[in-house]
Structure formats: structure tokens, C-alpha cells
Amino acid sequence: MPSTIGSRIKKMRKEAGLKLAALSAITHIDQSQLSKMENDKFDLPSVERIRRIAAALNTTPNDIIIGGRHK
């Protein structure tokens, strides 16, 4: 199965040892929206949201968007 933005976010979040609620609190993105992103039931997240998620996961927006160190 090809890697998606949502699957990369979920994998990185789990690797960071964060629950969805914790990532929501850090990024100020609603938990239900994060869940939809992770399960690819959400349109492409905005650049600002990708930046906030990347910062919370100590990675770069590029790692989330195109893969990279977490392939």
C-alpha cells in the first residue's frame, strides 16, 4: 500500500509516543480532524497544519508530505 500523508503522520505520531489527544493539544488541531487526516478521510491539510504537525513531531513538512527519513 502506498504511503500517504495521513499514514506518515500516524506512523510518526506513534513513533514519538504520542496519543492523538496529545498531538491535538500540541498542534491546536481538533482531535477528530487529526483522526480524519490520519485515516485519509480529509482533504489535503493546509500548509499551516502540516507545519504545526511537523513541529510537534520534530520533523519537517517535507518528511510528512513526500516521505523521507520515515519511509
PDB file of N, CA and C in Angstrom:
ATOM      1  N   MET A   1       0.844  -1.184   0.000  1.00  0.00           N
ATOM      2  CA  MET A   1       0.000   0.000   0.000  1.00  0.00           C
ATOM      3  C   MET A   1       0.884   1.240   0.000  1.00  0.00           C
ATOM      4  N   PRO A   2       0.627   2.177  -0.899  1.00  0.00           N
ATOM      5  CA  PRO A   2       1.443   3.386  -0.953  1.00  0.00           C
ATOM      6  C   PRO A   2       1.293   4.214   0.319  1.00  0.00           C
ATOM      7  N   SER A   3       2.377   4.853   0.677  1.00  0.00           N
ATOM      8  CA  SER A   3       2.370   5.713   1.853  1.00  0.00           C
ATOM      9  C   SER A   3       1.627   7.008   1.526  1.00  0.00           C
ATOM     10  N   THR A   4       0.801   7.444   2.445  1.00  0.00           N
ATOM     11  CA  THR A   4       0.045   8.679   2.265  1.00  0.00           C
ATOM     12  C   THR A   4       0.465   9.672   3.346  1.00  0.00           C
ATOM     13  N   ILE A   5       0.055  10.909   3.181  1.00  0.00           N
ATOM     14  CA  ILE A   5       0.331  11.915   4.209  1.00  0.00           C
ATOM     15  C   ILE A   5      -0.247  11.440   5.542  1.00  0.00           C
ATOM     16  N   GLY A   6      -1.463  10.960   5.522  1.00  0.00           N
ATOM     17  CA  GLY A   6      -2.100  10.501   6.746  1.00  0.00           C
ATOM     18  C   GLY A   6      -1.368   9.345   7.401  1.00  0.00           C
ATOM     19  N   SER A   7      -0.956   8.377   6.594  1.00  0.00           N
ATOM     20  CA  SER A   7      -0.249   7.230   7.172  1.00  0.00           C
ATOM     21  C   SER A   7       1.113   7.639   7.728  1.00  0.00           C
ATOM     22  N   ARG A   8       1.759   8.611   7.083  1.00  0.00           N
ATOM     23  CA  ARG A   8       3.048   9.090   7.602  1.00  0.00           C
ATOM     24  C   ARG A   8       2.861   9.831   8.919  1.00  0.00           C
ATOM     25  N   ILE A   9       1.812  10.659   9.001  1.00  0.00           N
ATOM     26  CA  ILE A   9       1.541  11.377  10.257  1.00  0.00           C
ATOM     27  C   ILE A   9       1.292  10.369  11.375  1.00  0.00           C
ATOM     28  N   LYS A  10       0.470   9.386  11.108  1.00  0.00           N
ATOM     29  CA  LYS A  10       0.130   8.386  12.124  1.00  0.00           C
ATOM     30  C   LYS A  10       1.372   7.624  12.574  1.00  0.00           C
ATOM     31  N   LYS A  11       2.182   7.206  11.625  1.00  0.00           N
ATOM     32  CA  LYS A  11       3.399   6.457  11.957  1.00  0.00           C
ATOM     33  C   LYS A  11       4.341   7.313  12.795  1.00  0.00           C
ATOM     34  N   MET A  12       4.556   8.550  12.396  1.00  0.00           N
ATOM     35  CA  MET A  12       5.459   9.438  13.130  1.00  0.00           C
ATOM     36  C   MET A  12       4.920   9.739  14.528  1.00  0.00           C
ATOM     37  N   ARG A  13       3.606   9.918  14.628  1.00  0.00           N
ATOM     38  CA  ARG A  13       2.995  10.183  15.934  1.00  0.00           C
ATOM     39  C   ARG A  13       3.221   9.008  16.871  1.00  0.00           C
ATOM     40  N   LYS A  14       3.005   7.801  16.364  1.00  0.00           N
ATOM     41  CA  LYS A  14       3.201   6.613  17.190  1.00  0.00           C
ATOM     42  C   LYS A  14       4.675   6.443  17.563  1.00  0.00           C
ATOM     43  N   GLU A  15       5.575   6.704  16.609  1.00  0.00           N
ATOM     44  CA  GLU A  15       7.000   6.614  16.893  1.00  0.00           C
ATOM     45  C   GLU A  15       7.416   7.620  17.972  1.00  0.00           C
ATOM     46  N   ALA A  16       6.728   8.764  18.003  1.00  0.00           N
ATOM     47  CA  ALA A  16       7.017   9.795  19.004  1.00  0.00           C
ATOM     48  C   ALA A  16       6.373   9.468  20.351  1.00  0.00           C
ATOM     49  N   GLY A  17       5.572   8.411  20.384  1.00  0.00           N
ATOM     50  CA  GLY A  17       4.915   8.010  21.623  1.00  0.00           C
ATOM     51  C   GLY A  17       3.777   8.923  22.036  1.00  0.00           C
ATOM     52  N   LEU A  18       3.157   9.570  21.054  1.00  0.00           N
ATOM     53  CA  LEU A  18       2.066  10.497  21.343  1.00  0.00           C
ATOM     54  C   LEU A  18       0.715   9.877  21.026  1.00  0.00           C
ATOM     55  N   LYS A  19      -0.225  10.099  21.908  1.00  0.00           N
ATOM     56  CA  LYS A  19      -1.617   9.753  21.628  1.00  0.00           C
ATOM     57  C   LYS A  19      -2.195  10.856  20.748  1.00  0.00           C
ATOM     58  N   LEU A  20      -3.268  10.552  20.070  1.00  0.00           N
ATOM     59  CA  LEU A  20      -3.924  11.528  19.205  1.00  0.00           C
ATOM     60  C   LEU A  20      -4.321  12.780  19.994  1.00  0.00           C
ATOM     61  N   ALA A  21      -4.810  12.585  21.207  1.00  0.00           N
ATOM     62  CA  ALA A  21      -5.211  13.728  22.038  1.00  0.00           C
ATOM     63  C   ALA A  21      -4.026  14.632  22.361  1.00  0.00           C
ATOM     64  N   ALA A  22      -2.863  14.042  22.575  1.00  0.00           N
ATOM     65  CA  ALA A  22      -1.672  14.839  22.881  1.00  0.00           C
ATOM     66  C   ALA A  22      -1.246  15.652  21.666  1.00  0.00           C
ATOM     67  N   LEU A  23      -1.264  15.030  20.485  1.00  0.00           N
ATOM     68  CA  LEU A  23      -0.904  15.764  19.268  1.00  0.00           C
ATOM     69  C   LEU A  23      -1.894  16.893  19.019  1.00  0.00           C
ATOM     70  N   SER A  24      -3.147  16.636  19.299  1.00  0.00           N
ATOM     71  CA  SER A  24      -4.177  17.663  19.161  1.00  0.00           C
ATOM     72  C   SER A  24      -3.892  18.846  20.084  1.00  0.00           C
ATOM     73  N   ALA A  25      -3.541  18.558  21.312  1.00  0.00           N
ATOM     74  CA  ALA A  25      -3.254  19.623  22.282  1.00  0.00           C
ATOM     75  C   ALA A  25      -2.039  20.440  21.875  1.00  0.00           C
ATOM     76  N   ILE A  26      -1.028  19.780  21.359  1.00  0.00           N
ATOM     77  CA  ILE A  26       0.208  20.463  20.961  1.00  0.00           C
ATOM     78  C   ILE A  26      -0.010  21.333  19.727  1.00  0.00           C
ATOM     79  N   THR A  27      -0.751  20.807  18.754  1.00  0.00           N
ATOM     80  CA  THR A  27      -0.906  21.490  17.470  1.00  0.00           C
ATOM     81  C   THR A  27      -2.103  22.435  17.423  1.00  0.00           C
ATOM     82  N   HIS A  28      -2.999  22.300  18.390  1.00  0.00           N
ATOM     83  CA  HIS A  28      -4.251  23.070  18.400  1.00  0.00           C
ATOM     84  C   HIS A  28      -5.104  22.748  17.170  1.00  0.00           C
ATOM     85  N   ILE A  29      -5.050  21.479  16.763  1.00  0.00           N
ATOM     86  CA  ILE A  29      -5.896  20.966  15.691  1.00  0.00           C
ATOM     87  C   ILE A  29      -6.853  19.973  16.344  1.00  0.00           C
ATOM     88  N   ASP A  30      -8.127  20.105  16.061  1.00  0.00           N
ATOM     89  CA  ASP A  30      -9.135  19.249  16.663  1.00  0.00           C
ATOM     90  C   ASP A  30      -8.785  17.774  16.474  1.00  0.00           C
ATOM     91  N   GLN A  31      -8.966  17.001  17.535  1.00  0.00           N
ATOM     92  CA  GLN A  31      -8.624  15.583  17.508  1.00  0.00           C
ATOM     93  C   GLN A  31      -9.364  14.837  16.403  1.00  0.00           C
ATOM     94  N   SER A  32     -10.620  15.175  16.182  1.00  0.00           N
ATOM     95  CA  SER A  32     -11.381  14.490  15.129  1.00  0.00           C
ATOM     96  C   SER A  32     -10.820  14.814  13.746  1.00  0.00           C
ATOM     97  N   GLN A  33     -10.336  16.037  13.564  1.00  0.00           N
ATOM     98  CA  GLN A  33      -9.725  16.394  12.280  1.00  0.00           C
ATOM     99  C   GLN A  33      -8.409  15.654  12.087  1.00  0.00           C
ATOM    100  N   LEU A  34      -7.614  15.548  13.157  1.00  0.00           N
ATOM    101  CA  LEU A  34      -6.369  14.781  13.055  1.00  0.00           C
ATOM    102  C   LEU A  34      -6.655  13.320  12.722  1.00  0.00           C
ATOM    103  N   SER A  35      -7.667  12.764  13.338  1.00  0.00           N
ATOM    104  CA  SER A  35      -8.036  11.378  13.069  1.00  0.00           C
ATOM    105  C   SER A  35      -8.427  11.201  11.605  1.00  0.00           C
ATOM    106  N   LYS A  36      -9.216  12.134  11.096  1.00  0.00           N
ATOM    107  CA  LYS A  36      -9.606  12.070   9.685  1.00  0.00           C
ATOM    108  C   LYS A  36      -8.381  12.181   8.781  1.00  0.00           C
ATOM    109  N   MET A  37      -7.438  13.060   9.135  1.00  0.00           N
ATOM    110  CA  MET A  37      -6.203  13.184   8.345  1.00  0.00           C
ATOM    111  C   MET A  37      -5.458  11.860   8.322  1.00  0.00           C
ATOM    112  N   GLU A  38      -5.271  11.279   9.512  1.00  0.00           N
ATOM    113  CA  GLU A  38      -4.506  10.036   9.613  1.00  0.00           C
ATOM    114  C   GLU A  38      -5.163   8.889   8.854  1.00  0.00           C
ATOM    115  N   ASN A  39      -6.466   8.931   8.737  1.00  0.00           N
ATOM    116  CA  ASN A  39      -7.193   7.864   8.052  1.00  0.00           C
ATOM    117  C   ASN A  39      -7.572   8.236   6.622  1.00  0.00           C
ATOM    118  N   ASP A  40      -6.939   9.293   6.121  1.00  0.00           N
ATOM    119  CA  ASP A  40      -7.137   9.741   4.736  1.00  0.00           C
ATOM    120  C   ASP A  40      -8.599   9.993   4.389  1.00  0.00           C
ATOM    121  N   LYS A  41      -9.342  10.519   5.351  1.00  0.00           N
ATOM    122  CA  LYS A  41     -10.745  10.875   5.128  1.00  0.00           C
ATOM    123  C   LYS A  41     -10.910  12.386   5.203  1.00  0.00           C
ATOM    124  N   PHE A  42      -9.861  13.084   4.846  1.00  0.00           N
ATOM    125  CA  PHE A  42      -9.808  14.539   4.966  1.00  0.00           C
ATOM    126  C   PHE A  42      -9.104  15.065   3.734  1.00  0.00           C
ATOM    127  N   ASP A  43      -9.565  16.179   3.208  1.00  0.00           N
ATOM    128  CA  ASP A  43      -8.852  16.781   2.086  1.00  0.00           C
ATOM    129  C   ASP A  43      -7.430  17.107   2.512  1.00  0.00           C
ATOM    130  N   LEU A  44      -6.602  17.388   1.566  1.00  0.00           N
ATOM    131  CA  LEU A  44      -5.206  17.710   1.839  1.00  0.00           C
ATOM    132  C   LEU A  44      -5.117  18.787   2.915  1.00  0.00           C
ATOM    133  N   PRO A  45      -4.385  18.510   4.005  1.00  0.00           N
ATOM    134  CA  PRO A  45      -4.262  19.506   5.071  1.00  0.00           C
ATOM    135  C   PRO A  45      -3.562  20.769   4.573  1.00  0.00           C
ATOM    136  N   SER A  46      -3.881  21.886   5.197  1.00  0.00           N
ATOM    137  CA  SER A  46      -3.241  23.139   4.811  1.00  0.00           C
ATOM    138  C   SER A  46      -1.760  23.104   5.168  1.00  0.00           C
ATOM    139  N   VAL A  47      -1.005  23.967   4.523  1.00  0.00           N
ATOM    140  CA  VAL A  47       0.431  24.068   4.797  1.00  0.00           C
ATOM    141  C   VAL A  47       0.656  24.407   6.262  1.00  0.00           C
ATOM    142  N   GLU A  48      -0.150  25.289   6.809  1.00  0.00           N
ATOM    143  CA  GLU A  48      -0.002  25.672   8.219  1.00  0.00           C
ATOM    144  C   GLU A  48      -0.213  24.472   9.137  1.00  0.00           C
ATOM    145  N   ARG A  49      -1.185  23.661   8.854  1.00  0.00           N
ATOM    146  CA  ARG A  49      -1.419  22.468   9.679  1.00  0.00           C
ATOM    147  C   ARG A  49      -0.269  21.482   9.555  1.00  0.00           C
ATOM    148  N   ILE A  50       0.223  21.305   8.341  1.00  0.00           N
ATOM    149  CA  ILE A  50       1.379  20.419   8.145  1.00  0.00           C
ATOM    150  C   ILE A  50       2.567  20.946   8.937  1.00  0.00           C
ATOM    151  N   ARG A  51       2.791  22.243   8.925  1.00  0.00           N
ATOM    152  CA  ARG A  51       3.902  22.837   9.683  1.00  0.00           C
ATOM    153  C   ARG A  51       3.749  22.577  11.173  1.00  0.00           C
ATOM    154  N   ARG A  52       2.543  22.768  11.697  1.00  0.00           N
ATOM    155  CA  ARG A  52       2.309  22.552  13.130  1.00  0.00           C
ATOM    156  C   ARG A  52       2.515  21.091  13.516  1.00  0.00           C
ATOM    157  N   ILE A  53       2.025  20.192  12.677  1.00  0.00           N
ATOM    158  CA  ILE A  53       2.195  18.763  12.944  1.00  0.00           C
ATOM    159  C   ILE A  53       3.677  18.392  12.873  1.00  0.00           C
ATOM    160  N   ALA A  54       4.365  18.877  11.863  1.00  0.00           N
ATOM    161  CA  ALA A  54       5.794  18.586  11.715  1.00  0.00           C
ATOM    162  C   ALA A  54       6.579  19.078  12.926  1.00  0.00           C
ATOM    163  N   ALA A  55       6.289  20.284  13.379  1.00  0.00           N
ATOM    164  CA  ALA A  55       6.993  20.833  14.550  1.00  0.00           C
ATOM    165  C   ALA A  55       6.727  19.975  15.780  1.00  0.00           C
ATOM    166  N   ALA A  56       5.494  19.555  15.967  1.00  0.00           N
ATOM    167  CA  ALA A  56       5.141  18.731  17.121  1.00  0.00           C
ATOM    168  C   ALA A  56       5.822  17.371  17.075  1.00  0.00           C
ATOM    169  N   LEU A  57       6.053  16.868  15.864  1.00  0.00           N
ATOM    170  CA  LEU A  57       6.664  15.551  15.696  1.00  0.00           C
ATOM    171  C   LEU A  57       8.174  15.628  15.461  1.00  0.00           C
ATOM    172  N   ASN A  58       8.714  16.837  15.607  1.00  0.00           N
ATOM    173  CA  ASN A  58      10.154  17.053  15.455  1.00  0.00           C
ATOM    174  C   ASN A  58      10.656  16.540  14.099  1.00  0.00           C
ATOM    175  N   THR A  59       9.944  16.924  13.069  1.00  0.00           N
ATOM    176  CA  THR A  59      10.316  16.541  11.710  1.00  0.00           C
ATOM    177  C   THR A  59      10.083  17.743  10.806  1.00  0.00           C
ATOM    178  N   THR A  60      10.183  17.552   9.521  1.00  0.00           N
ATOM    179  CA  THR A  60       9.979  18.641   8.575  1.00  0.00           C
ATOM    180  C   THR A  60       8.671  18.427   7.809  1.00  0.00           C
ATOM    181  N   PRO A  61       8.104  19.514   7.302  1.00  0.00           N
ATOM    182  CA  PRO A  61       6.916  19.345   6.457  1.00  0.00           C
ATOM    183  C   PRO A  61       7.188  18.412   5.268  1.00  0.00           C
ATOM    184  N   ASN A  62       8.382  18.479   4.701  1.00  0.00           N
ATOM    185  CA  ASN A  62       8.706  17.596   3.575  1.00  0.00           C
ATOM    186  C   ASN A  62       8.635  16.124   3.955  1.00  0.00           C
ATOM    187  N   ASP A  63       9.089  15.783   5.176  1.00  0.00           N
ATOM    188  CA  ASP A  63       9.009  14.388   5.613  1.00  0.00           C
ATOM    189  C   ASP A  63       7.562  13.925   5.668  1.00  0.00           C
ATOM    190  N   ILE A  64       6.665  14.812   6.013  1.00  0.00           N
ATOM    191  CA  ILE A  64       5.241  14.456   6.071  1.00  0.00           C
ATOM    192  C   ILE A  64       4.641  14.393   4.666  1.00  0.00           C
ATOM    193  N   ILE A  65       4.975  15.367   3.841  1.00  0.00           N
ATOM    194  CA  ILE A  65       4.355  15.461   2.514  1.00  0.00           C
ATOM    195  C   ILE A  65       4.877  14.414   1.543  1.00  0.00           C
ATOM    196  N   ILE A  66       6.198  14.266   1.471  1.00  0.00           N
ATOM    197  CA  ILE A  66       6.759  13.357   0.459  1.00  0.00           C
ATOM    198  C   ILE A  66       7.471  12.136   1.035  1.00  0.00           C
ATOM    199  N   GLY A  67       7.517  12.052   2.322  1.00  0.00           N
ATOM    200  CA  GLY A  67       8.247  10.943   2.938  1.00  0.00           C
ATOM    201  C   GLY A  67       9.629  11.424   3.316  1.00  0.00           C
ATOM    202  N   GLY A  68      10.554  10.550   3.344  1.00  0.00           N
ATOM    203  CA  GLY A  68      11.901  10.934   3.732  1.00  0.00           C
ATOM    204  C   GLY A  68      12.431   9.969   4.741  1.00  0.00           C
ATOM    205  N   ARG A  69      12.875  10.497   5.861  1.00  0.00           N
ATOM    206  CA  ARG A  69      13.515   9.641   6.859  1.00  0.00           C
ATOM    207  C   ARG A  69      12.579   8.608   7.451  1.00  0.00           C
ATOM    208  N   HIS A  70      11.277   8.777   7.307  1.00  0.00           N
ATOM    209  CA  HIS A  70      10.319   7.843   7.909  1.00  0.00           C
ATOM    210  C   HIS A  70       9.658   6.949   6.886  1.00  0.00           C
ATOM    211  N   LYS A  71      10.245   6.786   5.728  1.00  0.00           N
ATOM    212  CA  LYS A  71       9.628   5.931   4.704  1.00  0.00           C
ATOM    213  C   LYS A  71       9.435   4.526   5.227  1.00  0.00           C
TER     214      LYS A  71
END
